[in-house]
């Protein structure tokens, strides 16, 4: 897909909306982390991932695939 074919204003609107949705999940995670820490290892003992990290990643991939199915994630 060449640059002139891209709907840049539409992509920006999508990205801002998606960032706000992800922000809600992150805020939920912050509140939950204050109560109970449920952390798994990602790549090493210092690089940690929470269930909320996974939820945000799944949200971003899922929404991107719906709107831009040809986009490789």
PDB file of N, CA and C in Angstrom:
ATOM      1  N   UNK A   1       0.859  -1.175   0.000  1.00  0.00           N
ATOM      2  CA  UNK A   1       0.000   0.000   0.000  1.00  0.00           C
ATOM      3  C   UNK A   1       0.900   1.231   0.000  1.00  0.00           C
ATOM      4  N   UNK A   2       0.696   2.133  -0.941  1.00  0.00           N
ATOM      5  CA  UNK A   2       1.518   3.336  -1.007  1.00  0.00           C
ATOM      6  C   UNK A   2       0.939   4.425  -0.120  1.00  0.00           C
ATOM      7  N   UNK A   3       1.749   5.377   0.233  1.00  0.00           N
ATOM      8  CA  UNK A   3       1.356   6.437   1.146  1.00  0.00           C
ATOM      9  C   UNK A   3       0.123   7.216   0.690  1.00  0.00           C
ATOM     10  N   UNK A   4       0.003   7.580  -0.598  1.00  0.00           N
ATOM     11  CA  UNK A   4      -1.196   8.326  -1.006  1.00  0.00           C
ATOM     12  C   UNK A   4      -2.502   7.553  -0.784  1.00  0.00           C
ATOM     13  N   UNK A   5      -2.438   6.228  -0.747  1.00  0.00           N
ATOM     14  CA  UNK A   5      -3.650   5.429  -0.547  1.00  0.00           C
ATOM     15  C   UNK A   5      -4.090   5.393   0.913  1.00  0.00           C
ATOM     16  N   UNK A   6      -3.197   5.755   1.819  1.00  0.00           N
ATOM     17  CA  UNK A   6      -3.501   5.671   3.232  1.00  0.00           C
ATOM     18  C   UNK A   6      -4.470   6.762   3.660  1.00  0.00           C
ATOM     19  N   UNK A   7      -5.365   6.420   4.540  1.00  0.00           N
ATOM     20  CA  UNK A   7      -6.297   7.372   5.139  1.00  0.00           C
ATOM     21  C   UNK A   7      -5.685   7.824   6.461  1.00  0.00           C
ATOM     22  N   UNK A   8      -4.748   8.759   6.399  1.00  0.00           N
ATOM     23  CA  UNK A   8      -4.021   9.168   7.594  1.00  0.00           C
ATOM     24  C   UNK A   8      -4.923   9.761   8.677  1.00  0.00           C
ATOM     25  N   UNK A   9      -5.899  10.607   8.349  1.00  0.00           N
ATOM     26  CA  UNK A   9      -6.788  11.092   9.406  1.00  0.00           C
ATOM     27  C   UNK A   9      -7.577   9.950  10.061  1.00  0.00           C
ATOM     28  N   UNK A  10      -7.990   8.970   9.266  1.00  0.00           N
ATOM     29  CA  UNK A  10      -8.703   7.810   9.808  1.00  0.00           C
ATOM     30  C   UNK A  10      -7.817   6.962  10.706  1.00  0.00           C
ATOM     31  N   UNK A  11      -6.568   6.797  10.302  1.00  0.00           N
ATOM     32  CA  UNK A  11      -5.613   6.035  11.109  1.00  0.00           C
ATOM     33  C   UNK A  11      -5.356   6.753  12.425  1.00  0.00           C
ATOM     34  N   UNK A  12      -5.223   8.077  12.380  1.00  0.00           N
ATOM     35  CA  UNK A  12      -5.013   8.850  13.598  1.00  0.00           C
ATOM     36  C   UNK A  12      -6.203   8.712  14.544  1.00  0.00           C
ATOM     37  N   UNK A  13      -7.399   8.823  14.018  1.00  0.00           N
ATOM     38  CA  UNK A  13      -8.607   8.671  14.833  1.00  0.00           C
ATOM     39  C   UNK A  13      -8.651   7.284  15.473  1.00  0.00           C
ATOM     40  N   UNK A  14      -8.348   6.263  14.683  1.00  0.00           N
ATOM     41  CA  UNK A  14      -8.312   4.890  15.194  1.00  0.00           C
ATOM     42  C   UNK A  14      -7.270   4.753  16.305  1.00  0.00           C
ATOM     43  N   UNK A  15      -6.078   5.282  16.070  1.00  0.00           N
ATOM     44  CA  UNK A  15      -4.984   5.152  17.037  1.00  0.00           C
ATOM     45  C   UNK A  15      -5.306   5.863  18.354  1.00  0.00           C
ATOM     46  N   UNK A  16      -5.889   7.050  18.280  1.00  0.00           N
ATOM     47  CA  UNK A  16      -6.251   7.784  19.496  1.00  0.00           C
ATOM     48  C   UNK A  16      -7.327   7.036  20.266  1.00  0.00           C
ATOM     49  N   UNK A  17      -8.327   6.531  19.567  1.00  0.00           N
ATOM     50  CA  UNK A  17      -9.386   5.764  20.214  1.00  0.00           C
ATOM     51  C   UNK A  17      -8.839   4.507  20.878  1.00  0.00           C
ATOM     52  N   UNK A  18      -7.965   3.819  20.172  1.00  0.00           N
ATOM     53  CA  UNK A  18      -7.367   2.599  20.701  1.00  0.00           C
ATOM     54  C   UNK A  18      -6.492   2.899  21.917  1.00  0.00           C
ATOM     55  N   UNK A  19      -5.741   3.981  21.861  1.00  0.00           N
ATOM     56  CA  UNK A  19      -4.900   4.370  22.997  1.00  0.00           C
ATOM     57  C   UNK A  19      -5.753   4.666  24.228  1.00  0.00           C
ATOM     58  N   UNK A  20      -6.890   5.279  24.030  1.00  0.00           N
ATOM     59  CA  UNK A  20      -7.787   5.569  25.165  1.00  0.00           C
ATOM     60  C   UNK A  20      -8.352   4.277  25.753  1.00  0.00           C
ATOM     61  N   UNK A  21      -8.732   3.335  24.891  1.00  0.00           N
ATOM     62  CA  UNK A  21      -9.217   2.036  25.385  1.00  0.00           C
ATOM     63  C   UNK A  21      -8.123   1.314  26.164  1.00  0.00           C
ATOM     64  N   UNK A  22      -6.913   1.333  25.628  1.00  0.00           N
ATOM     65  CA  UNK A  22      -5.792   0.689  26.308  1.00  0.00           C
ATOM     66  C   UNK A  22      -5.506   1.389  27.629  1.00  0.00           C
ATOM     67  N   UNK A  23      -5.652   2.700  27.660  1.00  0.00           N
ATOM     68  CA  UNK A  23      -5.447   3.456  28.891  1.00  0.00           C
ATOM     69  C   UNK A  23      -6.395   3.036  29.996  1.00  0.00           C
ATOM     70  N   UNK A  24      -7.632   2.745  29.632  1.00  0.00           N
ATOM     71  CA  UNK A  24      -8.611   2.272  30.619  1.00  0.00           C
ATOM     72  C   UNK A  24      -8.139   0.950  31.226  1.00  0.00           C
ATOM     73  N   UNK A  25      -7.661   0.047  30.390  1.00  0.00           N
ATOM     74  CA  UNK A  25      -7.163  -1.245  30.868  1.00  0.00           C
ATOM     75  C   UNK A  25      -5.943  -1.038  31.770  1.00  0.00           C
ATOM     76  N   UNK A  26      -5.051  -0.143  31.377  1.00  0.00           N
ATOM     77  CA  UNK A  26      -3.859   0.129  32.179  1.00  0.00           C
ATOM     78  C   UNK A  26      -4.231   0.707  33.535  1.00  0.00           C
ATOM     79  N   UNK A  27      -5.199   1.622  33.554  1.00  0.00           N
ATOM     80  CA  UNK A  27      -5.638   2.188  34.832  1.00  0.00           C
ATOM     81  C   UNK A  27      -6.276   1.121  35.720  1.00  0.00           C
ATOM     82  N   UNK A  28      -7.047   0.216  35.117  1.00  0.00           N
ATOM     83  CA  UNK A  28      -7.601  -0.899  35.884  1.00  0.00           C
ATOM     84  C   UNK A  28      -6.472  -1.726  36.485  1.00  0.00           C
ATOM     85  N   UNK A  29      -5.446  -1.953  35.696  1.00  0.00           N
ATOM     86  CA  UNK A  29      -4.299  -2.723  36.160  1.00  0.00           C
ATOM     87  C   UNK A  29      -3.576  -2.031  37.296  1.00  0.00           C
ATOM     88  N   UNK A  30      -3.437  -0.713  37.192  1.00  0.00           N
ATOM     89  CA  UNK A  30      -2.771   0.036  38.257  1.00  0.00           C
ATOM     90  C   UNK A  30      -3.534  -0.083  39.565  1.00  0.00           C
ATOM     91  N   UNK A  31      -4.857   0.028  39.482  1.00  0.00           N
ATOM     92  CA  UNK A  31      -5.680  -0.100  40.689  1.00  0.00           C
ATOM     93  C   UNK A  31      -5.572  -1.503  41.266  1.00  0.00           C
ATOM     94  N   UNK A  32      -5.623  -2.499  40.403  1.00  0.00           N
ATOM     95  CA  UNK A  32      -5.540  -3.886  40.862  1.00  0.00           C
ATOM     96  C   UNK A  32      -4.163  -4.193  41.441  1.00  0.00           C
ATOM     97  N   UNK A  33      -3.118  -3.632  40.836  1.00  0.00           N
ATOM     98  CA  UNK A  33      -1.755  -3.886  41.304  1.00  0.00           C
ATOM     99  C   UNK A  33      -1.535  -3.310  42.695  1.00  0.00           C
ATOM    100  N   UNK A  34      -2.275  -2.259  43.026  1.00  0.00           N
ATOM    101  CA  UNK A  34      -2.150  -1.673  44.353  1.00  0.00           C
ATOM    102  C   UNK A  34      -2.655  -2.647  45.417  1.00  0.00           C
ATOM    103  N   UNK A  35      -3.572  -3.531  45.012  1.00  0.00           N
ATOM    104  CA  UNK A  35      -4.158  -4.490  45.952  1.00  0.00           C
ATOM    105  C   UNK A  35      -3.404  -5.814  45.968  1.00  0.00           C
ATOM    106  N   UNK A  36      -3.227  -6.406  44.806  1.00  0.00           N
ATOM    107  CA  UNK A  36      -2.586  -7.722  44.698  1.00  0.00           C
ATOM    108  C   UNK A  36      -1.670  -7.717  43.492  1.00  0.00           C
ATOM    109  N   UNK A  37      -0.475  -8.223  43.638  1.00  0.00           N
ATOM    110  CA  UNK A  37       0.467  -8.285  42.533  1.00  0.00           C
ATOM    111  C   UNK A  37       0.472  -9.701  41.983  1.00  0.00           C
ATOM    112  N   UNK A  38       0.002  -9.855  40.719  1.00  0.00           N
ATOM    113  CA  UNK A  38       0.009 -11.151  40.032  1.00  0.00           C
ATOM    114  C   UNK A  38       0.925 -11.001  38.827  1.00  0.00           C
ATOM    115  N   UNK A  39       2.187 -11.330  39.005  1.00  0.00           N
ATOM    116  CA  UNK A  39       3.188 -11.087  37.974  1.00  0.00           C
ATOM    117  C   UNK A  39       3.768 -12.407  37.490  1.00  0.00           C
ATOM    118  N   UNK A  40       3.907 -12.535  36.193  1.00  0.00           N
ATOM    119  CA  UNK A  40       4.577 -13.686  35.607  1.00  0.00           C
ATOM    120  C   UNK A  40       5.859 -13.217  34.952  1.00  0.00           C
ATOM    121  N   UNK A  41       6.737 -14.126  34.652  1.00  0.00           N
ATOM    122  CA  UNK A  41       7.989 -13.755  33.997  1.00  0.00           C
ATOM    123  C   UNK A  41       7.785 -13.649  32.497  1.00  0.00           C
ATOM    124  N   UNK A  42       8.447 -12.675  31.910  1.00  0.00           N
ATOM    125  CA  UNK A  42       8.368 -12.478  30.471  1.00  0.00           C
ATOM    126  C   UNK A  42       9.602 -13.077  29.817  1.00  0.00           C
ATOM    127  N   UNK A  43      10.732 -12.387  29.839  1.00  0.00           N
ATOM    128  CA  UNK A  43      11.945 -12.906  29.215  1.00  0.00           C
ATOM    129  C   UNK A  43      13.002 -13.279  30.248  1.00  0.00           C
ATOM    130  N   UNK A  44      12.980 -12.581  31.348  1.00  0.00           N
ATOM    131  CA  UNK A  44      13.923 -12.879  32.421  1.00  0.00           C
ATOM    132  C   UNK A  44      13.319 -12.398  33.739  1.00  0.00           C
ATOM    133  N   UNK A  45      14.006 -12.584  34.817  1.00  0.00           N
ATOM    134  CA  UNK A  45      13.441 -12.262  36.123  1.00  0.00           C
ATOM    135  C   UNK A  45      13.251 -10.766  36.342  1.00  0.00           C
ATOM    136  N   UNK A  46      13.858  -9.927  35.518  1.00  0.00           N
ATOM    137  CA  UNK A  46      13.722  -8.487  35.670  1.00  0.00           C
ATOM    138  C   UNK A  46      12.625  -7.940  34.752  1.00  0.00           C
ATOM    139  N   UNK A  47      12.402  -8.571  33.623  1.00  0.00           N
ATOM    140  CA  UNK A  47      11.411  -8.138  32.633  1.00  0.00           C
ATOM    141  C   UNK A  47      10.082  -8.802  32.975  1.00  0.00           C
ATOM    142  N   UNK A  48       9.205  -8.082  33.681  1.00  0.00           N
ATOM    143  CA  UNK A  48       7.961  -8.663  34.185  1.00  0.00           C
ATOM    144  C   UNK A  48       6.766  -8.277  33.313  1.00  0.00           C
ATOM    145  N   UNK A  49       5.791  -9.153  33.281  1.00  0.00           N
ATOM    146  CA  UNK A  49       4.571  -8.897  32.532  1.00  0.00           C
ATOM    147  C   UNK A  49       3.380  -9.238  33.424  1.00  0.00           C
ATOM    148  N   UNK A  50       2.367  -8.396  33.391  1.00  0.00           N
ATOM    149  CA  UNK A  50       1.157  -8.651  34.173  1.00  0.00           C
ATOM    150  C   UNK A  50       0.034  -9.070  33.241  1.00  0.00           C
ATOM    151  N   UNK A  51      -1.058  -9.523  33.821  1.00  0.00           N
ATOM    152  CA  UNK A  51      -2.222  -9.878  33.003  1.00  0.00           C
ATOM    153  C   UNK A  51      -2.733  -8.661  32.249  1.00  0.00           C
ATOM    154  N   UNK A  52      -2.523  -7.467  32.783  1.00  0.00           N
ATOM    155  CA  UNK A  52      -2.988  -6.253  32.119  1.00  0.00           C
ATOM    156  C   UNK A  52      -2.125  -5.913  30.910  1.00  0.00           C
ATOM    157  N   UNK A  53      -0.840  -6.213  30.970  1.00  0.00           N
ATOM    158  CA  UNK A  53       0.021  -6.059  29.800  1.00  0.00           C
ATOM    159  C   UNK A  53      -0.497  -6.944  28.667  1.00  0.00           C
ATOM    160  N   UNK A  54      -0.848  -8.163  29.016  1.00  0.00           N
ATOM    161  CA  UNK A  54      -1.356  -9.120  28.032  1.00  0.00           C
ATOM    162  C   UNK A  54      -2.691  -8.643  27.484  1.00  0.00           C
ATOM    163  N   UNK A  55      -3.563  -8.140  28.349  1.00  0.00           N
ATOM    164  CA  UNK A  55      -4.876  -7.647  27.905  1.00  0.00           C
ATOM    165  C   UNK A  55      -4.731  -6.479  26.932  1.00  0.00           C
ATOM    166  N   UNK A  56      -3.806  -5.568  27.224  1.00  0.00           N
ATOM    167  CA  UNK A  56      -3.590  -4.425  26.333  1.00  0.00           C
ATOM    168  C   UNK A  56      -3.058  -4.913  24.985  1.00  0.00           C
ATOM    169  N   UNK A  57      -2.111  -5.828  25.003  1.00  0.00           N
ATOM    170  CA  UNK A  57      -1.568  -6.363  23.756  1.00  0.00           C
ATOM    171  C   UNK A  57      -2.662  -7.035  22.928  1.00  0.00           C
ATOM    172  N   UNK A  58      -3.502  -7.837  23.569  1.00  0.00           N
ATOM    173  CA  UNK A  58      -4.596  -8.502  22.856  1.00  0.00           C
ATOM    174  C   UNK A  58      -5.592  -7.488  22.312  1.00  0.00           C
ATOM    175  N   UNK A  59      -5.880  -6.440  23.078  1.00  0.00           N
ATOM    176  CA  UNK A  59      -6.791  -5.388  22.621  1.00  0.00           C
ATOM    177  C   UNK A  59      -6.249  -4.715  21.369  1.00  0.00           C
ATOM    178  N   UNK A  60      -4.989  -4.312  21.413  1.00  0.00           N
ATOM    179  CA  UNK A  60      -4.384  -3.612  20.277  1.00  0.00           C
ATOM    180  C   UNK A  60      -4.369  -4.506  19.042  1.00  0.00           C
ATOM    181  N   UNK A  61      -3.913  -5.732  19.192  1.00  0.00           N
ATOM    182  CA  UNK A  61      -3.871  -6.649  18.044  1.00  0.00           C
ATOM    183  C   UNK A  61      -5.261  -6.928  17.496  1.00  0.00           C
ATOM    184  N   UNK A  62      -6.215  -7.182  18.381  1.00  0.00           N
ATOM    185  CA  UNK A  62      -7.575  -7.499  17.939  1.00  0.00           C
ATOM    186  C   UNK A  62      -8.233  -6.356  17.193  1.00  0.00           C
ATOM    187  N   UNK A  63      -8.122  -5.137  17.754  1.00  0.00           N
ATOM    188  CA  UNK A  63      -8.733  -3.971  17.107  1.00  0.00           C
ATOM    189  C   UNK A  63      -8.045  -3.663  15.773  1.00  0.00           C
ATOM    190  N   UNK A  64      -6.727  -3.789  15.732  1.00  0.00           N
ATOM    191  CA  UNK A  64      -5.994  -3.523  14.488  1.00  0.00           C
ATOM    192  C   UNK A  64      -6.369  -4.539  13.411  1.00  0.00           C
ATOM    193  N   UNK A  65      -6.501  -5.799  13.807  1.00  0.00           N
ATOM    194  CA  UNK A  65      -6.872  -6.834  12.825  1.00  0.00           C
ATOM    195  C   UNK A  65      -8.271  -6.603  12.262  1.00  0.00           C
ATOM    196  N   UNK A  66      -9.183  -6.120  13.104  1.00  0.00           N
ATOM    197  CA  UNK A  66     -10.556  -5.864  12.637  1.00  0.00           C
ATOM    198  C   UNK A  66     -10.582  -4.776  11.572  1.00  0.00           C
ATOM    199  N   UNK A  67      -9.898  -3.686  11.854  1.00  0.00           N
ATOM    200  CA  UNK A  67      -9.969  -2.543  10.946  1.00  0.00           C
ATOM    201  C   UNK A  67      -8.969  -2.643   9.794  1.00  0.00           C
ATOM    202  N   UNK A  68      -7.816  -3.258  10.057  1.00  0.00           N
ATOM    203  CA  UNK A  68      -6.757  -3.358   9.048  1.00  0.00           C
ATOM    204  C   UNK A  68      -6.302  -4.808   8.931  1.00  0.00           C
ATOM    205  N   UNK A  69      -7.137  -5.684   8.366  1.00  0.00           N
ATOM    206  CA  UNK A  69      -6.808  -7.109   8.314  1.00  0.00           C
ATOM    207  C   UNK A  69      -5.542  -7.434   7.519  1.00  0.00           C
ATOM    208  N   UNK A  70      -5.148  -6.580   6.600  1.00  0.00           N
ATOM    209  CA  UNK A  70      -3.949  -6.843   5.802  1.00  0.00           C
ATOM    210  C   UNK A  70      -2.673  -6.419   6.533  1.00  0.00           C
ATOM    211  N   UNK A  71      -2.823  -5.668   7.619  1.00  0.00           N
ATOM    212  CA  UNK A  71      -1.671  -5.193   8.377  1.00  0.00           C
ATOM    213  C   UNK A  71      -1.060  -6.342   9.149  1.00  0.00           C
ATOM    214  N   UNK A  72       0.249  -6.496   9.023  1.00  0.00           N
ATOM    215  CA  UNK A  72       0.937  -7.604   9.717  1.00  0.00           C
ATOM    216  C   UNK A  72       1.371  -7.143  11.096  1.00  0.00           C
ATOM    217  N   UNK A  73       0.975  -7.915  12.096  1.00  0.00           N
ATOM    218  CA  UNK A  73       1.335  -7.590  13.492  1.00  0.00           C
ATOM    219  C   UNK A  73       2.446  -8.461  13.959  1.00  0.00           C
TER     220      UNK A  73
END
